[in-house]
């Protein structure tokens, strides 16, 4: 499965510590290999068409993604600091997903 990076997600990933960055790329590799079949603890469904890659470690990282036209689009990434999923971060992912689908109509 092809992985398509939002430029902000790529920048976010490269801003992480090297060990965390390696874990993120490993999870992206799982997504590329298993696509729709990836399951917890590596991925979690957030809404109908929005999922999160879950990277555990010193830094808890989440990368929101969606499937569109046989590809996985990485929409938004952030370092998770609390147990609850921040509405602000979810809102950014939803906005980017809407831009993706509106642009490609």
N, C-alpha and C. Protein backbone atom coordinates (compact mmCIF):
# COMPACT_ATOMS: atom_id res chain seq x y z
N UNK A 1 0.84 -1.17 0.00
CA UNK A 1 0.00 0.00 0.00
C UNK A 1 0.90 1.25 0.00
N UNK A 2 0.54 2.19 -0.81
CA UNK A 2 1.30 3.44 -0.88
C UNK A 2 0.96 4.32 0.32
N UNK A 3 1.99 4.96 0.89
CA UNK A 3 1.82 5.89 2.00
C UNK A 3 2.06 7.29 1.45
N UNK A 4 1.11 8.19 1.69
CA UNK A 4 1.23 9.57 1.23
C UNK A 4 1.32 10.47 2.47
N UNK A 5 2.40 11.23 2.54
CA UNK A 5 2.66 12.10 3.69
C UNK A 5 2.16 13.51 3.43
N UNK A 6 1.42 14.07 4.40
CA UNK A 6 1.19 15.51 4.41
C UNK A 6 2.56 16.12 4.75
N UNK A 7 2.95 17.23 4.10
CA UNK A 7 4.26 17.83 4.40
C UNK A 7 4.47 18.15 5.88
N UNK A 8 3.41 18.55 6.57
CA UNK A 8 3.53 18.86 8.00
C UNK A 8 3.81 17.61 8.82
N UNK A 9 3.26 16.48 8.40
CA UNK A 9 3.51 15.22 9.11
C UNK A 9 4.97 14.81 8.94
N UNK A 10 5.47 14.94 7.72
CA UNK A 10 6.88 14.60 7.47
C UNK A 10 7.79 15.48 8.34
N UNK A 11 7.50 16.77 8.39
CA UNK A 11 8.28 17.70 9.21
C UNK A 11 8.19 17.32 10.69
N UNK A 12 6.99 16.98 11.14
CA UNK A 12 6.80 16.57 12.53
C UNK A 12 7.65 15.34 12.86
N UNK A 13 7.60 14.33 12.00
CA UNK A 13 8.34 13.10 12.26
C UNK A 13 9.84 13.37 12.35
N UNK A 14 10.36 14.19 11.45
CA UNK A 14 11.80 14.48 11.48
C UNK A 14 12.21 15.38 12.64
N UNK A 15 11.23 15.98 13.33
CA UNK A 15 11.54 16.81 14.50
C UNK A 15 11.66 15.97 15.78
N UNK A 16 11.28 14.70 15.71
CA UNK A 16 11.30 13.83 16.89
C UNK A 16 12.72 13.33 17.18
N UNK A 17 12.92 12.85 18.42
CA UNK A 17 14.19 12.22 18.77
C UNK A 17 14.43 11.03 17.84
N UNK A 18 15.68 10.70 17.61
CA UNK A 18 15.98 9.65 16.63
C UNK A 18 15.35 8.30 16.98
N UNK A 19 15.34 7.92 18.27
CA UNK A 19 14.76 6.62 18.63
C UNK A 19 13.24 6.62 18.42
N UNK A 20 12.60 7.74 18.73
CA UNK A 20 11.16 7.85 18.52
C UNK A 20 10.85 7.88 17.03
N UNK A 21 11.64 8.61 16.28
CA UNK A 21 11.46 8.69 14.82
C UNK A 21 11.55 7.30 14.21
N UNK A 22 12.49 6.49 14.68
CA UNK A 22 12.64 5.13 14.16
C UNK A 22 11.39 4.30 14.45
N UNK A 23 10.82 4.46 15.63
CA UNK A 23 9.59 3.73 15.97
C UNK A 23 8.43 4.18 15.09
N UNK A 24 8.35 5.47 14.82
CA UNK A 24 7.28 5.99 13.97
C UNK A 24 7.41 5.39 12.57
N UNK A 25 8.61 5.38 12.02
CA UNK A 25 8.80 4.81 10.69
C UNK A 25 8.52 3.30 10.68
N UNK A 26 8.79 2.62 11.79
CA UNK A 26 8.46 1.20 11.89
C UNK A 26 6.95 0.99 11.82
N UNK A 27 6.20 1.84 12.53
CA UNK A 27 4.73 1.75 12.50
C UNK A 27 4.19 2.08 11.10
N UNK A 28 4.80 3.06 10.46
CA UNK A 28 4.39 3.40 9.09
C UNK A 28 4.68 2.22 8.16
N UNK A 29 5.78 1.51 8.40
CA UNK A 29 6.09 0.31 7.64
C UNK A 29 5.02 -0.77 7.84
N UNK A 30 4.54 -0.92 9.08
CA UNK A 30 3.44 -1.87 9.34
C UNK A 30 2.20 -1.46 8.56
N UNK A 31 1.90 -0.17 8.57
CA UNK A 31 0.74 0.33 7.84
C UNK A 31 0.89 0.05 6.35
N UNK A 32 2.07 0.28 5.82
CA UNK A 32 2.34 0.05 4.40
C UNK A 32 2.17 -1.44 4.06
N UNK A 33 2.64 -2.30 4.94
CA UNK A 33 2.60 -3.74 4.69
C UNK A 33 1.20 -4.33 4.89
N UNK A 34 0.52 -3.93 5.98
CA UNK A 34 -0.74 -4.57 6.34
C UNK A 34 -1.98 -3.77 5.97
N UNK A 35 -1.84 -2.48 5.67
CA UNK A 35 -2.97 -1.66 5.24
C UNK A 35 -4.16 -1.73 6.18
N UNK A 36 -5.32 -2.08 5.63
CA UNK A 36 -6.56 -2.14 6.40
C UNK A 36 -6.53 -3.18 7.51
N UNK A 37 -5.60 -4.10 7.45
CA UNK A 37 -5.54 -5.20 8.42
C UNK A 37 -4.80 -4.83 9.71
N UNK A 38 -4.15 -3.69 9.76
CA UNK A 38 -3.41 -3.30 10.96
C UNK A 38 -4.41 -3.06 12.10
N UNK A 39 -4.11 -3.57 13.28
CA UNK A 39 -5.02 -3.54 14.42
C UNK A 39 -4.29 -3.06 15.69
N UNK A 40 -5.07 -2.87 16.79
CA UNK A 40 -4.44 -2.53 18.07
C UNK A 40 -3.42 -3.59 18.45
N UNK A 41 -2.36 -3.24 19.08
CA UNK A 41 -2.07 -1.94 19.68
C UNK A 41 -1.41 -0.94 18.74
N UNK A 42 -1.25 -1.30 17.48
CA UNK A 42 -0.54 -0.43 16.54
C UNK A 42 -1.43 0.67 15.94
N UNK A 43 -2.69 0.39 15.82
CA UNK A 43 -3.61 1.33 15.20
C UNK A 43 -4.95 1.27 15.90
N UNK A 44 -5.67 2.38 15.87
CA UNK A 44 -6.99 2.43 16.49
C UNK A 44 -7.91 3.27 15.61
N UNK A 45 -9.13 2.81 15.45
CA UNK A 45 -10.13 3.57 14.69
C UNK A 45 -10.63 4.71 15.56
N UNK A 46 -10.60 5.93 15.02
CA UNK A 46 -11.02 7.12 15.76
C UNK A 46 -12.44 7.51 15.36
N UNK A 47 -12.74 7.43 14.08
CA UNK A 47 -14.08 7.71 13.57
C UNK A 47 -14.29 6.85 12.33
N UNK A 48 -15.38 7.09 11.59
CA UNK A 48 -15.70 6.24 10.44
C UNK A 48 -14.53 6.01 9.50
N UNK A 49 -13.85 7.07 9.11
CA UNK A 49 -12.76 6.94 8.13
C UNK A 49 -11.43 7.48 8.64
N UNK A 50 -11.31 7.67 9.92
CA UNK A 50 -10.09 8.25 10.51
C UNK A 50 -9.51 7.27 11.53
N UNK A 51 -8.19 7.04 11.40
CA UNK A 51 -7.49 6.10 12.27
C UNK A 51 -6.26 6.79 12.85
N UNK A 52 -5.70 6.18 13.90
CA UNK A 52 -4.46 6.71 14.46
C UNK A 52 -3.43 5.60 14.58
N UNK A 53 -2.21 5.89 14.14
CA UNK A 53 -1.07 5.02 14.41
C UNK A 53 -0.62 5.35 15.83
N UNK A 54 -0.36 4.33 16.61
CA UNK A 54 -0.02 4.53 18.02
C UNK A 54 1.42 4.09 18.26
N UNK A 55 2.26 5.03 18.61
CA UNK A 55 3.68 4.75 18.85
C UNK A 55 3.93 4.93 20.33
N UNK A 56 4.31 3.84 21.00
CA UNK A 56 4.55 3.85 22.44
C UNK A 56 6.04 4.02 22.70
N UNK A 57 6.37 4.58 23.84
CA UNK A 57 7.76 4.75 24.22
C UNK A 57 7.92 5.92 25.15
N UNK A 58 9.13 6.48 25.20
CA UNK A 58 9.38 7.65 26.04
C UNK A 58 8.44 8.77 25.63
N UNK A 59 8.28 8.95 24.33
CA UNK A 59 7.30 9.89 23.81
C UNK A 59 6.16 9.09 23.19
N UNK A 60 4.94 9.40 23.62
CA UNK A 60 3.76 8.76 23.02
C UNK A 60 3.39 9.59 21.79
N UNK A 61 3.47 8.98 20.62
CA UNK A 61 3.21 9.71 19.38
C UNK A 61 1.97 9.11 18.72
N UNK A 62 1.16 9.99 18.15
CA UNK A 62 -0.01 9.57 17.38
C UNK A 62 0.07 10.21 16.00
N UNK A 63 -0.23 9.43 14.99
CA UNK A 63 -0.29 9.94 13.61
C UNK A 63 -1.65 9.53 13.05
N UNK A 64 -2.48 10.53 12.76
CA UNK A 64 -3.78 10.25 12.17
C UNK A 64 -3.63 9.95 10.69
N UNK A 65 -4.44 9.02 10.21
CA UNK A 65 -4.40 8.68 8.79
C UNK A 65 -5.78 8.25 8.32
N UNK A 66 -5.93 8.22 7.01
CA UNK A 66 -7.16 7.74 6.38
C UNK A 66 -6.78 6.97 5.13
N UNK A 67 -7.69 6.14 4.65
CA UNK A 67 -7.50 5.43 3.40
C UNK A 67 -8.27 6.15 2.32
N UNK A 68 -7.62 6.36 1.18
CA UNK A 68 -8.26 7.07 0.07
C UNK A 68 -7.61 6.61 -1.23
N UNK A 69 -8.40 6.15 -2.17
CA UNK A 69 -7.89 5.70 -3.48
C UNK A 69 -6.73 4.72 -3.36
N UNK A 70 -6.90 3.68 -2.59
CA UNK A 70 -5.90 2.61 -2.44
C UNK A 70 -4.59 3.06 -1.81
N UNK A 71 -4.61 4.21 -1.13
CA UNK A 71 -3.42 4.70 -0.43
C UNK A 71 -3.79 5.06 1.00
N UNK A 72 -2.78 5.12 1.86
CA UNK A 72 -2.97 5.61 3.22
C UNK A 72 -2.38 7.01 3.28
N UNK A 73 -3.18 7.97 3.68
CA UNK A 73 -2.74 9.36 3.77
C UNK A 73 -2.49 9.71 5.23
N UNK A 74 -1.25 10.10 5.54
CA UNK A 74 -0.91 10.54 6.89
C UNK A 74 -1.31 12.01 6.99
N UNK A 75 -2.27 12.31 7.87
CA UNK A 75 -2.90 13.62 7.91
C UNK A 75 -2.34 14.57 8.95
N UNK A 76 -2.01 14.03 10.14
CA UNK A 76 -1.57 14.90 11.23
C UNK A 76 -0.87 14.06 12.29
N UNK A 77 0.19 14.59 12.87
CA UNK A 77 0.90 13.90 13.94
C UNK A 77 1.13 14.80 15.13
N UNK A 78 1.20 14.20 16.32
CA UNK A 78 1.46 14.98 17.53
C UNK A 78 2.00 14.07 18.62
N UNK A 79 2.61 14.68 19.64
CA UNK A 79 3.08 13.95 20.81
C UNK A 79 1.95 14.01 21.83
N UNK A 80 1.52 12.85 22.25
CA UNK A 80 0.40 12.76 23.19
C UNK A 80 0.91 12.97 24.61
N UNK A 81 0.25 13.88 25.34
CA UNK A 81 0.71 14.22 26.68
C UNK A 81 -0.30 13.89 27.76
N UNK A 82 -1.51 13.49 27.37
CA UNK A 82 -2.53 13.14 28.35
C UNK A 82 -3.25 11.88 27.88
N UNK A 83 -4.06 11.31 28.76
CA UNK A 83 -4.78 10.09 28.39
C UNK A 83 -5.84 10.35 27.35
N UNK A 84 -6.48 11.50 27.44
CA UNK A 84 -7.57 11.81 26.52
C UNK A 84 -7.02 12.34 25.20
N UNK A 85 -7.69 11.99 24.11
CA UNK A 85 -7.32 12.48 22.79
C UNK A 85 -7.70 13.95 22.67
N UNK A 86 -6.73 14.85 22.51
CA UNK A 86 -7.04 16.29 22.45
C UNK A 86 -7.92 16.65 21.26
N UNK A 87 -9.01 17.37 21.54
CA UNK A 87 -9.96 17.77 20.50
C UNK A 87 -9.27 18.63 19.44
N UNK A 88 -8.32 19.46 19.85
CA UNK A 88 -7.60 20.33 18.92
C UNK A 88 -6.84 19.49 17.88
N UNK A 89 -6.17 18.44 18.33
CA UNK A 89 -5.40 17.58 17.42
C UNK A 89 -6.32 16.79 16.50
N UNK A 90 -7.41 16.29 17.05
CA UNK A 90 -8.39 15.57 16.24
C UNK A 90 -9.00 16.50 15.19
N UNK A 91 -9.26 17.74 15.58
CA UNK A 91 -9.82 18.72 14.66
C UNK A 91 -8.90 18.99 13.47
N UNK A 92 -7.60 19.04 13.72
CA UNK A 92 -6.63 19.25 12.63
C UNK A 92 -6.67 18.08 11.65
N UNK A 93 -6.76 16.87 12.17
CA UNK A 93 -6.81 15.69 11.30
C UNK A 93 -8.09 15.68 10.47
N UNK A 94 -9.21 16.01 11.10
CA UNK A 94 -10.49 16.05 10.38
C UNK A 94 -10.45 17.10 9.29
N UNK A 95 -9.87 18.26 9.60
CA UNK A 95 -9.76 19.34 8.61
C UNK A 95 -8.91 18.88 7.42
N UNK A 96 -7.77 18.25 7.70
CA UNK A 96 -6.89 17.78 6.61
C UNK A 96 -7.56 16.69 5.78
N UNK A 97 -8.34 15.83 6.42
CA UNK A 97 -9.07 14.81 5.68
C UNK A 97 -10.11 15.45 4.77
N UNK A 98 -10.80 16.45 5.27
CA UNK A 98 -11.80 17.16 4.45
C UNK A 98 -11.12 17.83 3.26
N UNK A 99 -9.97 18.44 3.49
CA UNK A 99 -9.24 19.08 2.39
C UNK A 99 -8.83 18.04 1.35
N UNK A 100 -8.39 16.89 1.78
CA UNK A 100 -8.00 15.82 0.87
C UNK A 100 -9.17 15.38 0.00
N UNK A 101 -10.29 15.11 0.61
CA UNK A 101 -11.43 14.61 -0.16
C UNK A 101 -12.05 15.70 -1.02
N UNK A 102 -12.10 16.95 -0.53
CA UNK A 102 -12.64 18.04 -1.33
C UNK A 102 -11.76 18.33 -2.54
N UNK A 103 -10.45 18.28 -2.35
CA UNK A 103 -9.50 18.58 -3.42
C UNK A 103 -9.56 17.54 -4.54
N UNK A 104 -9.82 16.30 -4.16
CA UNK A 104 -9.78 15.20 -5.12
C UNK A 104 -11.14 14.81 -5.69
N UNK A 105 -12.12 15.66 -5.58
CA UNK A 105 -13.44 15.35 -6.16
C UNK A 105 -13.44 15.56 -7.63
